[in-house]
Amino acid sequence: MTAALDEARRALDHGDVPVGAVVLHDGNIVAARHNEREKTNDPTAHAEVLALRDASTRLGRWRLHDCTLVVTLEPCVMCAGALLSARIGTLVYGAADLKAGATASLYNVCADPRLNHNPPVIHGVLAAESEALLQQFFRSLR
């Protein structure tokens, strides 16, 4: 999770919401990204989506069933859909997102039995650190 927090801090360099994500395969980081929506003017440039794309490219496959996605903030609906499409093996996240979280807080996409993939979800890992980074960012905007 510390690598994901480091990535989240990089988003601050270009005014993006500080969310970071890493993909682990066999305990090694194969992708590490942060939000780039402001930087690229791309609404889909969330840390999770970018990390999943990079991991797929690096591993040479789209099925990431043996990988873990670690992210500082609970994924939104788009990102939850992307991690299901990638068949991610496990999701780990820090801070809950009460306004847009789609893996426990607002929705629970990863546990929907109607979908063809339901990865285990571990939440609350370094949540205080993740929340503090987000709170500082949003306070600076006010």
C-alpha atoms as a PDB file:
ATOM      1  CA  MET A   1       0.000   0.000   0.000  1.00  0.00           C
ATOM      2  CA  THR A   2       2.909   2.374   0.573  1.00  0.00           C
ATOM      3  CA  ALA A   3       3.760   2.196  -3.150  1.00  0.00           C
ATOM      4  CA  ALA A   4       0.171   3.163  -3.970  1.00  0.00           C
ATOM      5  CA  LEU A   5       0.408   6.108  -1.552  1.00  0.00           C
ATOM      6  CA  ASP A   6       3.639   7.208  -3.240  1.00  0.00           C
ATOM      7  CA  GLU A   7       1.852   7.090  -6.594  1.00  0.00           C
ATOM      8  CA  ALA A   8      -1.070   9.077  -5.163  1.00  0.00           C
ATOM      9  CA  ARG A   9       1.301  11.869  -4.150  1.00  0.00           C
ATOM     10  CA  ARG A  10       2.551  12.091  -7.756  1.00  0.00           C
ATOM     11  CA  ALA A  11      -0.953  13.081  -8.872  1.00  0.00           C
ATOM     12  CA  LEU A  12      -0.577  16.286  -6.875  1.00  0.00           C
ATOM     13  CA  ASP A  13       2.132  17.460  -9.287  1.00  0.00           C
ATOM     14  CA  HIS A  14      -0.503  18.122 -11.929  1.00  0.00           C
ATOM     15  CA  GLY A  15      -3.531  18.946  -9.789  1.00  0.00           C
ATOM     16  CA  ASP A  16      -5.210  15.563  -9.892  1.00  0.00           C
ATOM     17  CA  VAL A  17      -7.060  13.966  -7.004  1.00  0.00           C
ATOM     18  CA  PRO A  18      -4.344  11.989  -5.188  1.00  0.00           C
ATOM     19  CA  VAL A  19      -5.282   8.408  -5.883  1.00  0.00           C
ATOM     20  CA  GLY A  20      -2.615   5.812  -6.584  1.00  0.00           C
ATOM     21  CA  ALA A  21      -2.788   2.201  -7.691  1.00  0.00           C
ATOM     22  CA  VAL A  22      -0.344  -0.648  -8.117  1.00  0.00           C
ATOM     23  CA  VAL A  23      -0.766  -4.107  -9.585  1.00  0.00           C
ATOM     24  CA  LEU A  24       1.153  -6.933  -7.948  1.00  0.00           C
ATOM     25  CA  HIS A  25       2.060 -10.225  -9.607  1.00  0.00           C
ATOM     26  CA  ASP A  26       3.926 -12.848  -7.581  1.00  0.00           C
ATOM     27  CA  GLY A  27       4.569 -10.169  -4.959  1.00  0.00           C
ATOM     28  CA  ASN A  28       6.230  -7.803  -7.433  1.00  0.00           C
ATOM     29  CA  ILE A  29       4.903  -4.491  -8.698  1.00  0.00           C
ATOM     30  CA  VAL A  30       4.184  -4.818 -12.423  1.00  0.00           C
ATOM     31  CA  ALA A  31       2.348  -1.492 -12.759  1.00  0.00           C
ATOM     32  CA  ALA A  32       2.093   1.692 -10.700  1.00  0.00           C
ATOM     33  CA  ARG A  33      -0.026   4.678 -11.705  1.00  0.00           C
ATOM     34  CA  HIS A  34      -1.889   7.665 -10.320  1.00  0.00           C
ATOM     35  CA  ASN A  35      -4.871   9.709 -11.446  1.00  0.00           C
ATOM     36  CA  GLU A  36      -4.198  11.667 -14.636  1.00  0.00           C
ATOM     37  CA  ARG A  37      -7.607  13.111 -15.522  1.00  0.00           C
ATOM     38  CA  GLU A  38      -6.466  16.724 -15.208  1.00  0.00           C
ATOM     39  CA  LYS A  39      -3.124  16.038 -16.874  1.00  0.00           C
ATOM     40  CA  THR A  40      -4.618  14.297 -19.921  1.00  0.00           C
ATOM     41  CA  ASN A  41      -8.170  15.705 -19.995  1.00  0.00           C
ATOM     42  CA  ASP A  42      -9.327  12.093 -20.050  1.00  0.00           C
ATOM     43  CA  PRO A  43     -12.270  11.212 -17.792  1.00  0.00           C
ATOM     44  CA  THR A  44     -11.211   7.554 -17.794  1.00  0.00           C
ATOM     45  CA  ALA A  45      -7.637   8.248 -16.606  1.00  0.00           C
ATOM     46  CA  HIS A  46      -8.220   6.903 -13.108  1.00  0.00           C
ATOM     47  CA  ALA A  47      -5.253   5.296 -11.373  1.00  0.00           C
ATOM     48  CA  GLU A  48      -6.870   1.854 -11.400  1.00  0.00           C
ATOM     49  CA  VAL A  49      -7.656   1.837 -15.121  1.00  0.00           C
ATOM     50  CA  LEU A  50      -4.174   3.062 -16.027  1.00  0.00           C
ATOM     51  CA  ALA A  51      -2.511   0.482 -13.757  1.00  0.00           C
ATOM     52  CA  LEU A  52      -4.624  -2.353 -15.175  1.00  0.00           C
ATOM     53  CA  ARG A  53      -3.713  -1.298 -18.733  1.00  0.00           C
ATOM     54  CA  ASP A  54      -0.006  -1.187 -17.901  1.00  0.00           C
ATOM     55  CA  ALA A  55      -0.098  -4.543 -16.095  1.00  0.00           C
ATOM     56  CA  SER A  56      -1.863  -6.189 -19.028  1.00  0.00           C
ATOM     57  CA  THR A  57       0.706  -4.800 -21.432  1.00  0.00           C
ATOM     58  CA  ARG A  58       3.631  -5.842 -19.262  1.00  0.00           C
ATOM     59  CA  LEU A  59       2.281  -9.359 -18.670  1.00  0.00           C
ATOM     60  CA  GLY A  60       1.078  -9.753 -22.253  1.00  0.00           C
ATOM     61  CA  ARG A  61      -2.476 -10.707 -21.336  1.00  0.00           C
ATOM     62  CA  TRP A  62      -5.732  -9.123 -20.249  1.00  0.00           C
ATOM     63  CA  ARG A  63      -6.697 -11.740 -17.674  1.00  0.00           C
ATOM     64  CA  LEU A  64      -5.094 -10.708 -14.387  1.00  0.00           C
ATOM     65  CA  HIS A  65      -6.561 -13.490 -12.222  1.00  0.00           C
ATOM     66  CA  ASP A  66      -3.225 -14.019 -10.468  1.00  0.00           C
ATOM     67  CA  CYS A  67      -2.695 -10.327  -9.684  1.00  0.00           C
ATOM     68  CA  THR A  68      -3.678  -8.008  -6.857  1.00  0.00           C
ATOM     69  CA  LEU A  69      -4.825  -4.440  -7.438  1.00  0.00           C
ATOM     70  CA  VAL A  70      -3.874  -2.166  -4.536  1.00  0.00           C
ATOM     71  CA  VAL A  71      -5.434   1.319  -4.542  1.00  0.00           C
ATOM     72  CA  THR A  72      -5.589   4.154  -2.024  1.00  0.00           C
ATOM     73  CA  LEU A  73      -9.298   4.901  -2.536  1.00  0.00           C
ATOM     74  CA  GLU A  74     -12.231   2.553  -2.982  1.00  0.00           C
ATOM     75  CA  PRO A  75     -12.844   2.135  -6.736  1.00  0.00           C
ATOM     76  CA  CYS A  76     -15.736   3.873  -8.463  1.00  0.00           C
ATOM     77  CA  VAL A  77     -18.235   2.050 -10.690  1.00  0.00           C
ATOM     78  CA  MET A  78     -16.047   2.465 -13.791  1.00  0.00           C
ATOM     79  CA  CYS A  79     -12.938   1.153 -12.046  1.00  0.00           C
ATOM     80  CA  ALA A  80     -14.818  -1.693 -10.373  1.00  0.00           C
ATOM     81  CA  GLY A  81     -16.091  -2.704 -13.799  1.00  0.00           C
ATOM     82  CA  ALA A  82     -12.562  -2.532 -15.204  1.00  0.00           C
ATOM     83  CA  LEU A  83     -11.096  -4.717 -12.470  1.00  0.00           C
ATOM     84  CA  LEU A  84     -13.879  -7.262 -12.993  1.00  0.00           C
ATOM     85  CA  SER A  85     -13.257  -7.203 -16.746  1.00  0.00           C
ATOM     86  CA  ALA A  86      -9.559  -7.809 -16.066  1.00  0.00           C
ATOM     87  CA  ARG A  87     -10.514 -10.734 -13.796  1.00  0.00           C
ATOM     88  CA  ILE A  88      -8.303  -9.261 -11.053  1.00  0.00           C
ATOM     89  CA  GLY A  89      -7.457 -11.843  -8.412  1.00  0.00           C
ATOM     90  CA  THR A  90      -7.771  -9.626  -5.332  1.00  0.00           C
ATOM     91  CA  LEU A  91      -8.608  -5.993  -4.633  1.00  0.00           C
ATOM     92  CA  VAL A  92      -7.020  -4.153  -1.704  1.00  0.00           C
ATOM     93  CA  TYR A  93      -7.887  -0.534  -0.940  1.00  0.00           C
ATOM     94  CA  GLY A  94      -7.359   2.075   1.740  1.00  0.00           C
ATOM     95  CA  ALA A  95      -9.993   4.770   2.171  1.00  0.00           C
ATOM     96  CA  ALA A  96     -13.695   4.172   1.691  1.00  0.00           C
ATOM     97  CA  ASP A  97     -15.473   6.444  -0.794  1.00  0.00           C
ATOM     98  CA  LEU A  98     -18.909   7.145   0.660  1.00  0.00           C
ATOM     99  CA  LYS A  99     -19.961   9.222  -2.366  1.00  0.00           C
ATOM    100  CA  ALA A 100     -18.820   7.010  -5.244  1.00  0.00           C
ATOM    101  CA  GLY A 101     -17.417   3.755  -3.843  1.00  0.00           C
ATOM    102  CA  ALA A 102     -18.516   0.731  -5.804  1.00  0.00           C
ATOM    103  CA  THR A 103     -16.940  -2.138  -3.875  1.00  0.00           C
ATOM    104  CA  ALA A 104     -18.572  -1.668  -0.461  1.00  0.00           C
ATOM    105  CA  SER A 105     -19.675   1.870   0.382  1.00  0.00           C
ATOM    106  CA  LEU A 106     -22.292   2.882  -2.176  1.00  0.00           C
ATOM    107  CA  TYR A 107     -22.426  -0.236  -4.342  1.00  0.00           C
ATOM    108  CA  ASN A 108     -20.867  -3.662  -4.006  1.00  0.00           C
ATOM    109  CA  VAL A 109     -20.061  -4.587  -7.589  1.00  0.00           C
ATOM    110  CA  CYS A 110     -17.352  -7.094  -6.648  1.00  0.00           C
ATOM    111  CA  ALA A 111     -19.807  -9.186  -4.638  1.00  0.00           C
ATOM    112  CA  ASP A 112     -22.738  -9.136  -7.058  1.00  0.00           C
ATOM    113  CA  PRO A 113     -23.606 -12.802  -7.691  1.00  0.00           C
ATOM    114  CA  ARG A 114     -25.133 -11.905 -11.063  1.00  0.00           C
ATOM    115  CA  LEU A 115     -21.673 -11.071 -12.408  1.00  0.00           C
ATOM    116  CA  ASN A 116     -19.223 -13.664 -13.651  1.00  0.00           C
ATOM    117  CA  HIS A 117     -16.310 -12.654 -11.429  1.00  0.00           C
ATOM    118  CA  ASN A 118     -16.267 -11.830  -7.713  1.00  0.00           C
ATOM    119  CA  PRO A 119     -12.756 -11.185  -6.417  1.00  0.00           C
ATOM    120  CA  PRO A 120     -12.040 -10.979  -2.706  1.00  0.00           C
ATOM    121  CA  VAL A 121     -11.881  -7.414  -1.415  1.00  0.00           C
ATOM    122  CA  ILE A 122      -9.706  -6.274   1.484  1.00  0.00           C
ATOM    123  CA  HIS A 123     -10.517  -2.765   2.639  1.00  0.00           C
ATOM    124  CA  GLY A 124      -9.161  -0.313   5.152  1.00  0.00           C
ATOM    125  CA  VAL A 125      -5.432  -0.955   4.589  1.00  0.00           C
ATOM    126  CA  LEU A 126      -3.625   2.286   5.547  1.00  0.00           C
ATOM    127  CA  ALA A 127      -7.009   3.981   5.399  1.00  0.00           C
ATOM    128  CA  ALA A 128      -6.014   6.849   7.718  1.00  0.00           C
ATOM    129  CA  GLU A 129      -3.016   7.760   5.565  1.00  0.00           C
ATOM    130  CA  SER A 130      -5.070   7.578   2.372  1.00  0.00           C
ATOM    131  CA  GLU A 131      -7.871   9.667   3.873  1.00  0.00           C
ATOM    132  CA  ALA A 132      -5.435  12.291   5.179  1.00  0.00           C
ATOM    133  CA  LEU A 133      -3.889  12.753   1.738  1.00  0.00           C
ATOM    134  CA  LEU A 134      -7.306  13.199   0.148  1.00  0.00           C
ATOM    135  CA  GLN A 135      -8.519  15.568   2.872  1.00  0.00           C
ATOM    136  CA  GLN A 136      -5.424  17.772   2.516  1.00  0.00           C
ATOM    137  CA  PHE A 137      -5.970  17.959  -1.249  1.00  0.00           C
ATOM    138  CA  PHE A 138      -9.623  18.945  -1.002  1.00  0.00           C
ATOM    139  CA  ARG A 139      -8.921  21.458   1.797  1.00  0.00           C
ATOM    140  CA  SER A 140      -6.369  23.155  -0.458  1.00  0.00           C
ATOM    141  CA  LEU A 141      -9.073  23.687  -3.108  1.00  0.00           C
ATOM    142  CA  ARG A 142     -11.367  25.582  -0.754  1.00  0.00           C
END
